[in-house]
Amino acid sequence: MRMITKPDEAKRLARTIVSDIVLYNPQKVKEGIEKDSLFEVLTDELAEGKKYYESMVEEAVRQSTNFFNEALVDVLLKQNAKIKSEIW
């Protein structure tokens, strides 16, 4: 596989990975948001996703961007803001 060298492709990959985590773990996402334990509940999934992202994106792109963490906010949190929680 070729390494991703373009920032727009890296951003798209990060969003896809986080979208897949949300898609395949809806109950964990719901529980984590409701109980303010989202990152603990999804520890393994997020670690695996980040590892995959890092294996696919050239180091220079990873060091000059924060796409994986941005995807966590945009895809994991903002898109699930409808879930009732004490944190918002």
PDB file of N, CA and C in Angstrom:
ATOM      1  N   MET A   1       0.831  -1.185   0.000  1.00  0.00           N
ATOM      2  CA  MET A   1       0.000   0.000   0.000  1.00  0.00           C
ATOM      3  C   MET A   1       0.874   1.246   0.000  1.00  0.00           C
ATOM      4  N   ARG A   2       0.400   2.255  -0.656  1.00  0.00           N
ATOM      5  CA  ARG A   2       1.151   3.501  -0.687  1.00  0.00           C
ATOM      6  C   ARG A   2       0.809   4.342   0.533  1.00  0.00           C
ATOM      7  N   MET A   3       1.796   5.103   0.962  1.00  0.00           N
ATOM      8  CA  MET A   3       1.584   6.011   2.088  1.00  0.00           C
ATOM      9  C   MET A   3       0.853   7.263   1.594  1.00  0.00           C
ATOM     10  N   ILE A   4      -0.020   7.773   2.422  1.00  0.00           N
ATOM     11  CA  ILE A   4      -0.743   8.996   2.089  1.00  0.00           C
ATOM     12  C   ILE A   4       0.185  10.176   2.355  1.00  0.00           C
ATOM     13  N   THR A   5       0.325  11.027   1.336  1.00  0.00           N
ATOM     14  CA  THR A   5       1.236  12.174   1.441  1.00  0.00           C
ATOM     15  C   THR A   5       0.510  13.508   1.330  1.00  0.00           C
ATOM     16  N   LYS A   6      -0.766  13.466   0.984  1.00  0.00           N
ATOM     17  CA  LYS A   6      -1.531  14.705   0.810  1.00  0.00           C
ATOM     18  C   LYS A   6      -2.437  14.936   2.019  1.00  0.00           C
ATOM     19  N   PRO A   7      -2.401  16.143   2.573  1.00  0.00           N
ATOM     20  CA  PRO A   7      -3.223  16.436   3.753  1.00  0.00           C
ATOM     21  C   PRO A   7      -4.718  16.165   3.553  1.00  0.00           C
ATOM     22  N   ASP A   8      -5.260  16.489   2.386  1.00  0.00           N
ATOM     23  CA  ASP A   8      -6.698  16.272   2.196  1.00  0.00           C
ATOM     24  C   ASP A   8      -7.043  14.781   2.233  1.00  0.00           C
ATOM     25  N   GLU A   9      -6.161  13.936   1.743  1.00  0.00           N
ATOM     26  CA  GLU A   9      -6.391  12.492   1.802  1.00  0.00           C
ATOM     27  C   GLU A   9      -6.262  11.981   3.240  1.00  0.00           C
ATOM     28  N   ALA A  10      -5.318  12.540   3.987  1.00  0.00           N
ATOM     29  CA  ALA A  10      -5.144  12.156   5.391  1.00  0.00           C
ATOM     30  C   ALA A  10      -6.371  12.538   6.215  1.00  0.00           C
ATOM     31  N   LYS A  11      -6.894  13.712   5.949  1.00  0.00           N
ATOM     32  CA  LYS A  11      -8.094  14.167   6.655  1.00  0.00           C
ATOM     33  C   LYS A  11      -9.279  13.259   6.351  1.00  0.00           C
ATOM     34  N   ARG A  12      -9.431  12.900   5.100  1.00  0.00           N
ATOM     35  CA  ARG A  12     -10.518  12.013   4.682  1.00  0.00           C
ATOM     36  C   ARG A  12     -10.375  10.638   5.345  1.00  0.00           C
ATOM     37  N   LEU A  13      -9.151  10.121   5.405  1.00  0.00           N
ATOM     38  CA  LEU A  13      -8.915   8.828   6.048  1.00  0.00           C
ATOM     39  C   LEU A  13      -9.271   8.893   7.532  1.00  0.00           C
ATOM     40  N   ALA A  14      -8.845   9.935   8.220  1.00  0.00           N
ATOM     41  CA  ALA A  14      -9.142  10.078   9.647  1.00  0.00           C
ATOM     42  C   ALA A  14     -10.645  10.084   9.886  1.00  0.00           C
ATOM     43  N   ARG A  15     -11.374  10.832   9.084  1.00  0.00           N
ATOM     44  CA  ARG A  15     -12.829  10.910   9.239  1.00  0.00           C
ATOM     45  C   ARG A  15     -13.486   9.557   8.937  1.00  0.00           C
ATOM     46  N   THR A  16     -12.959   8.832   7.972  1.00  0.00           N
ATOM     47  CA  THR A  16     -13.493   7.513   7.629  1.00  0.00           C
ATOM     48  C   THR A  16     -13.264   6.526   8.769  1.00  0.00           C
ATOM     49  N   ILE A  17     -12.076   6.549   9.330  1.00  0.00           N
ATOM     50  CA  ILE A  17     -11.768   5.642  10.446  1.00  0.00           C
ATOM     51  C   ILE A  17     -12.691   5.910  11.623  1.00  0.00           C
ATOM     52  N   VAL A  18     -12.827   7.171  12.004  1.00  0.00           N
ATOM     53  CA  VAL A  18     -13.687   7.505  13.151  1.00  0.00           C
ATOM     54  C   VAL A  18     -15.148   7.209  12.828  1.00  0.00           C
ATOM     55  N   SER A  19     -15.573   7.447  11.607  1.00  0.00           N
ATOM     56  CA  SER A  19     -16.947   7.109  11.203  1.00  0.00           C
ATOM     57  C   SER A  19     -17.202   5.617  11.343  1.00  0.00           C
ATOM     58  N   ASP A  20     -16.224   4.810  10.968  1.00  0.00           N
ATOM     59  CA  ASP A  20     -16.369   3.360  11.110  1.00  0.00           C
ATOM     60  C   ASP A  20     -16.453   2.947  12.574  1.00  0.00           C
ATOM     61  N   ILE A  21     -15.663   3.584  13.422  1.00  0.00           N
ATOM     62  CA  ILE A  21     -15.729   3.276  14.855  1.00  0.00           C
ATOM     63  C   ILE A  21     -17.126   3.573  15.381  1.00  0.00           C
ATOM     64  N   VAL A  22     -17.689   4.711  14.989  1.00  0.00           N
ATOM     65  CA  VAL A  22     -19.041   5.077  15.415  1.00  0.00           C
ATOM     66  C   VAL A  22     -20.063   4.094  14.849  1.00  0.00           C
ATOM     67  N   LEU A  23     -19.926   3.757  13.576  1.00  0.00           N
ATOM     68  CA  LEU A  23     -20.868   2.863  12.902  1.00  0.00           C
ATOM     69  C   LEU A  23     -20.913   1.483  13.548  1.00  0.00           C
ATOM     70  N   TYR A  24     -19.756   0.947  13.905  1.00  0.00           N
ATOM     71  CA  TYR A  24     -19.696  -0.414  14.432  1.00  0.00           C
ATOM     72  C   TYR A  24     -19.818  -0.507  15.946  1.00  0.00           C
ATOM     73  N   ASN A  25     -19.895   0.627  16.622  1.00  0.00           N
ATOM     74  CA  ASN A  25     -19.989   0.631  18.088  1.00  0.00           C
ATOM     75  C   ASN A  25     -21.032   1.615  18.597  1.00  0.00           C
ATOM     76  N   PRO A  26     -22.242   1.603  18.046  1.00  0.00           N
ATOM     77  CA  PRO A  26     -23.226   2.619  18.453  1.00  0.00           C
ATOM     78  C   PRO A  26     -23.596   2.548  19.928  1.00  0.00           C
ATOM     79  N   GLN A  27     -23.664   1.363  20.488  1.00  0.00           N
ATOM     80  CA  GLN A  27     -24.039   1.245  21.900  1.00  0.00           C
ATOM     81  C   GLN A  27     -22.936   1.790  22.800  1.00  0.00           C
ATOM     82  N   LYS A  28     -21.693   1.505  22.467  1.00  0.00           N
ATOM     83  CA  LYS A  28     -20.579   2.035  23.261  1.00  0.00           C
ATOM     84  C   LYS A  28     -20.526   3.560  23.177  1.00  0.00           C
ATOM     85  N   VAL A  29     -20.785   4.100  21.983  1.00  0.00           N
ATOM     86  CA  VAL A  29     -20.780   5.553  21.811  1.00  0.00           C
ATOM     87  C   VAL A  29     -21.876   6.164  22.680  1.00  0.00           C
ATOM     88  N   LYS A  30     -23.066   5.602  22.609  1.00  0.00           N
ATOM     89  CA  LYS A  30     -24.201   6.112  23.391  1.00  0.00           C
ATOM     90  C   LYS A  30     -23.885   6.050  24.888  1.00  0.00           C
ATOM     91  N   GLU A  31     -23.443   4.902  25.332  1.00  0.00           N
ATOM     92  CA  GLU A  31     -23.122   4.727  26.754  1.00  0.00           C
ATOM     93  C   GLU A  31     -22.001   5.678  27.191  1.00  0.00           C
ATOM     94  N   GLY A  32     -20.984   5.797  26.373  1.00  0.00           N
ATOM     95  CA  GLY A  32     -19.853   6.653  26.716  1.00  0.00           C
ATOM     96  C   GLY A  32     -20.233   8.115  26.818  1.00  0.00           C
ATOM     97  N   ILE A  33     -21.091   8.572  25.928  1.00  0.00           N
ATOM     98  CA  ILE A  33     -21.538   9.969  25.987  1.00  0.00           C
ATOM     99  C   ILE A  33     -22.450  10.181  27.187  1.00  0.00           C
ATOM    100  N   GLU A  34     -23.385   9.268  27.390  1.00  0.00           N
ATOM    101  CA  GLU A  34     -24.312   9.409  28.514  1.00  0.00           C
ATOM    102  C   GLU A  34     -23.594   9.423  29.862  1.00  0.00           C
ATOM    103  N   LYS A  35     -22.571   8.609  29.988  1.00  0.00           N
ATOM    104  CA  LYS A  35     -21.876   8.464  31.273  1.00  0.00           C
ATOM    105  C   LYS A  35     -20.560   9.232  31.343  1.00  0.00           C
ATOM    106  N   ASP A  36     -20.297  10.067  30.326  1.00  0.00           N
ATOM    107  CA  ASP A  36     -19.059  10.851  30.270  1.00  0.00           C
ATOM    108  C   ASP A  36     -17.828   9.954  30.419  1.00  0.00           C
ATOM    109  N   SER A  37     -17.862   8.831  29.711  1.00  0.00           N
ATOM    110  CA  SER A  37     -16.733   7.896  29.736  1.00  0.00           C
ATOM    111  C   SER A  37     -16.394   7.428  28.323  1.00  0.00           C
ATOM    112  N   LEU A  38     -16.660   8.282  27.369  1.00  0.00           N
ATOM    113  CA  LEU A  38     -16.543   7.909  25.966  1.00  0.00           C
ATOM    114  C   LEU A  38     -15.159   7.374  25.604  1.00  0.00           C
ATOM    115  N   PHE A  39     -14.118   8.081  26.020  1.00  0.00           N
ATOM    116  CA  PHE A  39     -12.772   7.666  25.630  1.00  0.00           C
ATOM    117  C   PHE A  39     -12.313   6.417  26.384  1.00  0.00           C
ATOM    118  N   GLU A  40     -12.854   6.188  27.550  1.00  0.00           N
ATOM    119  CA  GLU A  40     -12.549   4.956  28.269  1.00  0.00           C
ATOM    120  C   GLU A  40     -13.269   3.771  27.623  1.00  0.00           C
ATOM    121  N   VAL A  41     -14.522   3.967  27.265  1.00  0.00           N
ATOM    122  CA  VAL A  41     -15.320   2.895  26.667  1.00  0.00           C
ATOM    123  C   VAL A  41     -14.757   2.482  25.303  1.00  0.00           C
ATOM    124  N   LEU A  42     -14.246   3.453  24.567  1.00  0.00           N
ATOM    125  CA  LEU A  42     -13.738   3.179  23.214  1.00  0.00           C
ATOM    126  C   LEU A  42     -12.203   3.126  23.151  1.00  0.00           C
ATOM    127  N   THR A  43     -11.555   2.896  24.261  1.00  0.00           N
ATOM    128  CA  THR A  43     -10.092   2.911  24.302  1.00  0.00           C
ATOM    129  C   THR A  43      -9.476   2.013  23.234  1.00  0.00           C
ATOM    130  N   ASP A  44      -9.894   0.769  23.177  1.00  0.00           N
ATOM    131  CA  ASP A  44      -9.299  -0.184  22.225  1.00  0.00           C
ATOM    132  C   ASP A  44      -9.578   0.203  20.783  1.00  0.00           C
ATOM    133  N   GLU A  45     -10.809   0.575  20.503  1.00  0.00           N
ATOM    134  CA  GLU A  45     -11.195   0.932  19.142  1.00  0.00           C
ATOM    135  C   GLU A  45     -10.444   2.175  18.659  1.00  0.00           C
ATOM    136  N   LEU A  46     -10.342   3.172  19.532  1.00  0.00           N
ATOM    137  CA  LEU A  46      -9.638   4.405  19.164  1.00  0.00           C
ATOM    138  C   LEU A  46      -8.144   4.161  18.989  1.00  0.00           C
ATOM    139  N   ALA A  47      -7.567   3.334  19.839  1.00  0.00           N
ATOM    140  CA  ALA A  47      -6.145   3.017  19.711  1.00  0.00           C
ATOM    141  C   ALA A  47      -5.874   2.282  18.402  1.00  0.00           C
ATOM    142  N   GLU A  48      -6.731   1.341  18.071  1.00  0.00           N
ATOM    143  CA  GLU A  48      -6.579   0.597  16.812  1.00  0.00           C
ATOM    144  C   GLU A  48      -6.745   1.533  15.613  1.00  0.00           C
ATOM    145  N   GLY A  49      -7.734   2.419  15.680  1.00  0.00           N
ATOM    146  CA  GLY A  49      -7.958   3.363  14.594  1.00  0.00           C
ATOM    147  C   GLY A  49      -6.789   4.314  14.409  1.00  0.00           C
ATOM    148  N   LYS A  50      -6.263   4.812  15.506  1.00  0.00           N
ATOM    149  CA  LYS A  50      -5.122   5.728  15.417  1.00  0.00           C
ATOM    150  C   LYS A  50      -3.884   5.011  14.890  1.00  0.00           C
ATOM    151  N   LYS A  51      -3.683   3.791  15.318  1.00  0.00           N
ATOM    152  CA  LYS A  51      -2.545   3.007  14.830  1.00  0.00           C
ATOM    153  C   LYS A  51      -2.641   2.802  13.317  1.00  0.00           C
ATOM    154  N   TYR A  52      -3.836   2.489  12.852  1.00  0.00           N
ATOM    155  CA  TYR A  52      -4.036   2.311  11.408  1.00  0.00           C
ATOM    156  C   TYR A  52      -3.778   3.627  10.671  1.00  0.00           C
ATOM    157  N   TYR A  53      -4.322   4.714  11.186  1.00  0.00           N
ATOM    158  CA  TYR A  53      -4.109   6.033  10.585  1.00  0.00           C
ATOM    159  C   TYR A  53      -2.617   6.329  10.483  1.00  0.00           C
ATOM    160  N   GLU A  54      -1.905   6.116  11.562  1.00  0.00           N
ATOM    161  CA  GLU A  54      -0.474   6.403  11.575  1.00  0.00           C
ATOM    162  C   GLU A  54       0.305   5.504  10.614  1.00  0.00           C
ATOM    163  N   SER A  55      -0.179   4.289  10.408  1.00  0.00           N
ATOM    164  CA  SER A  55       0.508   3.378   9.487  1.00  0.00           C
ATOM    165  C   SER A  55       0.275   3.744   8.023  1.00  0.00           C
ATOM    166  N   MET A  56      -0.761   4.521   7.768  1.00  0.00           N
ATOM    167  CA  MET A  56      -1.124   4.856   6.389  1.00  0.00           C
ATOM    168  C   MET A  56      -0.717   6.268   5.967  1.00  0.00           C
ATOM    169  N   VAL A  57      -0.435   7.135   6.926  1.00  0.00           N
ATOM    170  CA  VAL A  57      -0.158   8.550   6.622  1.00  0.00           C
ATOM    171  C   VAL A  57       1.315   8.846   6.887  1.00  0.00           C
ATOM    172  N   GLU A  58       1.932   9.464   5.915  1.00  0.00           N
ATOM    173  CA  GLU A  58       3.341   9.822   6.031  1.00  0.00           C
ATOM    174  C   GLU A  58       3.589  10.658   7.288  1.00  0.00           C
ATOM    175  N   GLU A  59       4.709  10.417   7.923  1.00  0.00           N
ATOM    176  CA  GLU A  59       5.015  11.079   9.191  1.00  0.00           C
ATOM    177  C   GLU A  59       4.998  12.604   9.087  1.00  0.00           C
ATOM    178  N   ALA A  60       5.512  13.144   8.011  1.00  0.00           N
ATOM    179  CA  ALA A  60       5.535  14.610   7.853  1.00  0.00           C
ATOM    180  C   ALA A  60       4.129  15.192   7.860  1.00  0.00           C
ATOM    181  N   VAL A  61       3.180  14.498   7.263  1.00  0.00           N
ATOM    182  CA  VAL A  61       1.787  14.957   7.243  1.00  0.00           C
ATOM    183  C   VAL A  61       1.186  14.834   8.640  1.00  0.00           C
ATOM    184  N   ARG A  62       1.451  13.729   9.307  1.00  0.00           N
ATOM    185  CA  ARG A  62       0.925  13.542  10.671  1.00  0.00           C
ATOM    186  C   ARG A  62       1.450  14.604  11.625  1.00  0.00           C
ATOM    187  N   GLN A  63       2.719  14.978  11.480  1.00  0.00           N
ATOM    188  CA  GLN A  63       3.315  15.944  12.401  1.00  0.00           C
ATOM    189  C   GLN A  63       2.851  17.367  12.137  1.00  0.00           C
ATOM    190  N   SER A  64       2.406  17.637  10.921  1.00  0.00           N
ATOM    191  CA  SER A  64       1.987  19.007  10.596  1.00  0.00           C
ATOM    192  C   SER A  64       0.475  19.196  10.666  1.00  0.00           C
ATOM    193  N   THR A  65      -0.249  18.144  11.026  1.00  0.00           N
ATOM    194  CA  THR A  65      -1.708  18.220  11.111  1.00  0.00           C
ATOM    195  C   THR A  65      -2.188  17.544  12.388  1.00  0.00           C
ATOM    196  N   ASN A  66      -3.468  17.674  12.647  1.00  0.00           N
ATOM    197  CA  ASN A  66      -4.088  17.048  13.815  1.00  0.00           C
ATOM    198  C   ASN A  66      -5.405  16.400  13.379  1.00  0.00           C
ATOM    199  N   PHE A  67      -5.399  15.802  12.198  1.00  0.00           N
ATOM    200  CA  PHE A  67      -6.632  15.324  11.587  1.00  0.00           C
ATOM    201  C   PHE A  67      -7.343  14.232  12.381  1.00  0.00           C
ATOM    202  N   PHE A  68      -6.600  13.336  12.998  1.00  0.00           N
ATOM    203  CA  PHE A  68      -7.275  12.261  13.725  1.00  0.00           C
ATOM    204  C   PHE A  68      -8.048  12.834  14.910  1.00  0.00           C
ATOM    205  N   ASN A  69      -7.429  13.728  15.665  1.00  0.00           N
ATOM    206  CA  ASN A  69      -8.131  14.335  16.803  1.00  0.00           C
ATOM    207  C   ASN A  69      -9.283  15.230  16.351  1.00  0.00           C
ATOM    208  N   GLU A  70      -9.103  15.921  15.244  1.00  0.00           N
ATOM    209  CA  GLU A  70     -10.198  16.738  14.698  1.00  0.00           C
ATOM    210  C   GLU A  70     -11.385  15.855  14.314  1.00  0.00           C
ATOM    211  N   ALA A  71     -11.094  14.688  13.755  1.00  0.00           N
ATOM    212  CA  ALA A  71     -12.166  13.760  13.379  1.00  0.00           C
ATOM    213  C   ALA A  71     -12.902  13.258  14.620  1.00  0.00           C
ATOM    214  N   LEU A  72     -12.180  13.067  15.705  1.00  0.00           N
ATOM    215  CA  LEU A  72     -12.847  12.646  16.941  1.00  0.00           C
ATOM    216  C   LEU A  72     -13.882  13.674  17.364  1.00  0.00           C
ATOM    217  N   VAL A  73     -13.531  14.932  17.284  1.00  0.00           N
ATOM    218  CA  VAL A  73     -14.457  15.994  17.676  1.00  0.00           C
ATOM    219  C   VAL A  73     -15.602  16.100  16.666  1.00  0.00           C
ATOM    220  N   ASP A  74     -15.265  16.193  15.389  1.00  0.00           N
ATOM    221  CA  ASP A  74     -16.277  16.425  14.352  1.00  0.00           C
ATOM    222  C   ASP A  74     -17.204  15.235  14.139  1.00  0.00           C
ATOM    223  N   VAL A  75     -16.661  14.058  14.123  1.00  0.00           N
ATOM    224  CA  VAL A  75     -17.453  12.873  13.785  1.00  0.00           C
ATOM    225  C   VAL A  75     -18.001  12.187  15.032  1.00  0.00           C
ATOM    226  N   LEU A  76     -17.161  11.978  16.002  1.00  0.00           N
ATOM    227  CA  LEU A  76     -17.578  11.233  17.187  1.00  0.00           C
ATOM    228  C   LEU A  76     -18.437  12.073  18.123  1.00  0.00           C
ATOM    229  N   LEU A  77     -18.032  13.289  18.381  1.00  0.00           N
ATOM    230  CA  LEU A  77     -18.759  14.105  19.353  1.00  0.00           C
ATOM    231  C   LEU A  77     -19.873  14.939  18.733  1.00  0.00           C
ATOM    232  N   LYS A  78     -19.554  15.782  17.774  1.00  0.00           N
ATOM    233  CA  LYS A  78     -20.560  16.688  17.213  1.00  0.00           C
ATOM    234  C   LYS A  78     -21.731  15.945  16.591  1.00  0.00           C
ATOM    235  N   GLN A  79     -21.457  14.860  15.892  1.00  0.00           N
ATOM    236  CA  GLN A  79     -22.537  14.136  15.228  1.00  0.00           C
ATOM    237  C   GLN A  79     -23.398  13.348  16.209  1.00  0.00           C
ATOM    238  N   ASN A  80     -22.942  13.206  17.423  1.00  0.00           N
ATOM    239  CA  ASN A  80     -23.721  12.494  18.432  1.00  0.00           C
ATOM    240  C   ASN A  80     -24.196  13.414  19.546  1.00  0.00           C
ATOM    241  N   ALA A  81     -24.216  14.686  19.276  1.00  0.00           N
ATOM    242  CA  ALA A  81     -24.652  15.667  20.270  1.00  0.00           C
ATOM    243  C   ALA A  81     -26.118  15.508  20.660  1.00  0.00           C
ATOM    244  N   LYS A  82     -26.866  14.769  19.890  1.00  0.00           N
ATOM    245  CA  LYS A  82     -28.285  14.541  20.194  1.00  0.00           C
ATOM    246  C   LYS A  82     -28.476  13.574  21.368  1.00  0.00           C
ATOM    247  N   ILE A  83     -27.433  12.835  21.699  1.00  0.00           N
ATOM    248  CA  ILE A  83     -27.516  11.907  22.827  1.00  0.00           C
ATOM    249  C   ILE A  83     -27.489  12.715  24.120  1.00  0.00           C
ATOM    250  N   LYS A  84     -28.453  12.458  24.973  1.00  0.00           N
ATOM    251  CA  LYS A  84     -28.554  13.205  26.227  1.00  0.00           C
ATOM    252  C   LYS A  84     -27.363  12.899  27.134  1.00  0.00           C
ATOM    253  N   SER A  85     -26.770  13.986  27.640  1.00  0.00           N
ATOM    254  CA  SER A  85     -25.600  13.842  28.480  1.00  0.00           C
ATOM    255  C   SER A  85     -25.481  15.043  29.417  1.00  0.00           C
ATOM    256  N   GLU A  86     -24.884  14.816  30.549  1.00  0.00           N
ATOM    257  CA  GLU A  86     -24.644  15.913  31.478  1.00  0.00           C
ATOM    258  C   GLU A  86     -23.495  16.794  31.030  1.00  0.00           C
ATOM    259  N   ILE A  87     -22.695  16.332  30.072  1.00  0.00           N
ATOM    260  CA  ILE A  87     -21.553  17.132  29.653  1.00  0.00           C
ATOM    261  C   ILE A  87     -21.940  18.218  28.652  1.00  0.00           C
ATOM    262  N   TRP A  88     -23.184  18.193  28.143  1.00  0.00           N
ATOM    263  CA  TRP A  88     -23.668  19.304  27.311  1.00  0.00           C
ATOM    264  C   TRP A  88     -25.135  19.510  27.488  1.00  0.00           C
TER     265      TRP A  88
END
